[in-house]
Amino acid sequence: MKRALLTSIAAFLLSSCSPSDQERANEKAREAGREMKREAEHASDQLKHGVEELDRKAGAKLDQAGREIKEESRRAAEKVKERADHIQGSDQPERKP
């Protein structure tokens, strides 16, 4: 948006200015473009750093959550197996030695 505004201003100024004024306006527009590029690169670097930090923090938490889910699943499977063994055992008649 900034670039569009600068371009519009530059076009207006260029249409009503002397060649030296036009050159100054062009230089200001180029400098504004370079500044916008620097700002965009800085924002990109900050974003990359933020993503890396989030990945570092979230990665450990996701690993822990995965281990907890695996352990809960193992316990649930054991309970189901115990219940199934109990049901199968109660279906069979008692054996006397």
Protein backbone atom coordinates (compact mmCIF):
# COMPACT_ATOMS: atom_id res chain seq x y z
CA MET A 1 0.00 0.00 0.00
CA LYS A 2 2.87 2.31 0.85
CA ARG A 3 4.46 1.51 -2.49
CA ALA A 4 1.26 2.32 -4.42
CA LEU A 5 0.97 5.66 -2.64
CA LEU A 6 4.60 6.50 -3.34
CA THR A 7 4.22 5.52 -6.98
CA SER A 8 1.13 7.70 -7.33
CA ILE A 9 2.87 10.66 -5.73
CA ALA A 10 5.96 10.10 -7.86
CA ALA A 11 3.86 9.95 -11.05
CA PHE A 12 2.08 13.18 -10.11
CA LEU A 13 5.30 14.92 -9.29
CA LEU A 14 7.03 13.67 -12.41
CA SER A 15 4.31 15.04 -14.63
CA SER A 16 4.71 18.60 -13.32
CA CYS A 17 8.40 18.86 -12.39
CA SER A 18 11.69 19.74 -14.00
CA PRO A 19 14.13 16.93 -14.88
CA SER A 20 16.16 17.52 -11.70
CA ASP A 21 12.99 17.44 -9.60
CA GLN A 22 11.99 14.25 -11.37
CA GLU A 23 15.36 12.68 -10.61
CA ARG A 24 15.07 13.63 -6.93
CA ALA A 25 11.56 12.19 -6.80
CA ASN A 26 12.78 8.99 -8.47
CA GLU A 27 15.63 8.72 -5.97
CA LYS A 28 13.24 9.22 -3.05
CA ALA A 29 10.94 6.56 -4.48
CA ARG A 30 13.89 4.16 -4.89
CA GLU A 31 15.02 4.86 -1.33
CA ALA A 32 11.49 4.27 -0.05
CA GLY A 33 11.45 0.98 -1.96
CA ARG A 34 14.79 -0.05 -0.43
CA GLU A 35 13.51 0.86 3.04
CA MET A 36 10.37 -1.19 2.50
CA LYS A 37 12.50 -4.12 1.38
CA ARG A 38 14.68 -3.84 4.51
CA GLU A 39 11.58 -3.70 6.70
CA ALA A 40 10.10 -6.73 4.96
CA GLU A 41 13.36 -8.68 5.37
CA HIS A 42 13.50 -7.70 9.05
CA ALA A 43 9.90 -8.80 9.57
CA SER A 44 10.66 -12.07 7.76
CA ASP A 45 13.67 -12.68 10.00
CA GLN A 46 11.59 -12.02 13.10
CA LEU A 47 8.90 -14.37 11.84
CA LYS A 48 11.45 -17.11 11.17
CA HIS A 49 12.89 -16.65 14.64
CA GLY A 50 9.41 -16.83 16.15
CA VAL A 51 8.60 -20.02 14.24
CA GLU A 52 11.88 -21.62 15.35
CA GLU A 53 11.19 -20.66 18.97
CA LEU A 54 7.65 -22.02 18.79
CA ASP A 55 8.90 -25.23 17.21
CA ARG A 56 11.51 -25.62 19.94
CA LYS A 57 8.97 -25.09 22.72
CA ALA A 58 6.07 -26.98 21.16
CA GLY A 59 8.21 -29.89 19.97
CA ALA A 60 9.06 -31.01 23.49
CA LYS A 61 5.46 -30.64 24.64
CA LEU A 62 4.15 -32.61 21.66
CA ASP A 63 6.66 -35.39 22.35
CA GLN A 64 5.54 -35.54 26.00
CA ALA A 65 1.87 -35.58 24.98
CA GLY A 66 2.58 -38.42 22.55
CA ARG A 67 4.29 -40.45 25.28
CA GLU A 68 1.37 -39.84 27.66
CA ILE A 69 -1.18 -40.92 25.06
CA LYS A 70 0.84 -44.05 24.30
CA GLU A 71 0.98 -44.93 28.01
CA GLU A 72 -2.75 -44.31 28.48
CA SER A 73 -3.50 -46.51 25.45
CA ARG A 74 -1.30 -49.28 26.87
CA ARG A 75 -3.12 -49.14 30.24
CA ALA A 76 -6.53 -49.14 28.54
CA ALA A 77 -5.53 -52.16 26.43
CA GLU A 78 -4.39 -54.00 29.57
CA LYS A 79 -7.73 -53.28 31.27
CA VAL A 80 -9.65 -54.54 28.24
CA LYS A 81 -7.53 -57.70 28.14
CA GLU A 82 -8.02 -58.29 31.87
CA ARG A 83 -11.78 -57.78 31.51
CA ALA A 84 -11.88 -60.15 28.51
CA ASP A 85 -9.88 -62.77 30.44
CA HIS A 86 -12.24 -62.38 33.38
CA ILE A 87 -15.31 -62.80 31.18
CA GLN A 88 -13.84 -65.83 29.42
CA GLY A 89 -12.92 -67.35 32.78
CA SER A 90 -16.44 -66.91 34.17
CA ASP A 91 -17.98 -68.57 31.07
CA GLN A 92 -16.07 -71.78 31.69
CA PRO A 93 -17.42 -74.24 34.29
CA GLU A 94 -15.42 -74.56 37.44
CA ARG A 95 -13.04 -77.46 37.44
CA LYS A 96 -12.55 -79.51 40.57
CA PRO A 97 -9.25 -81.19 41.08
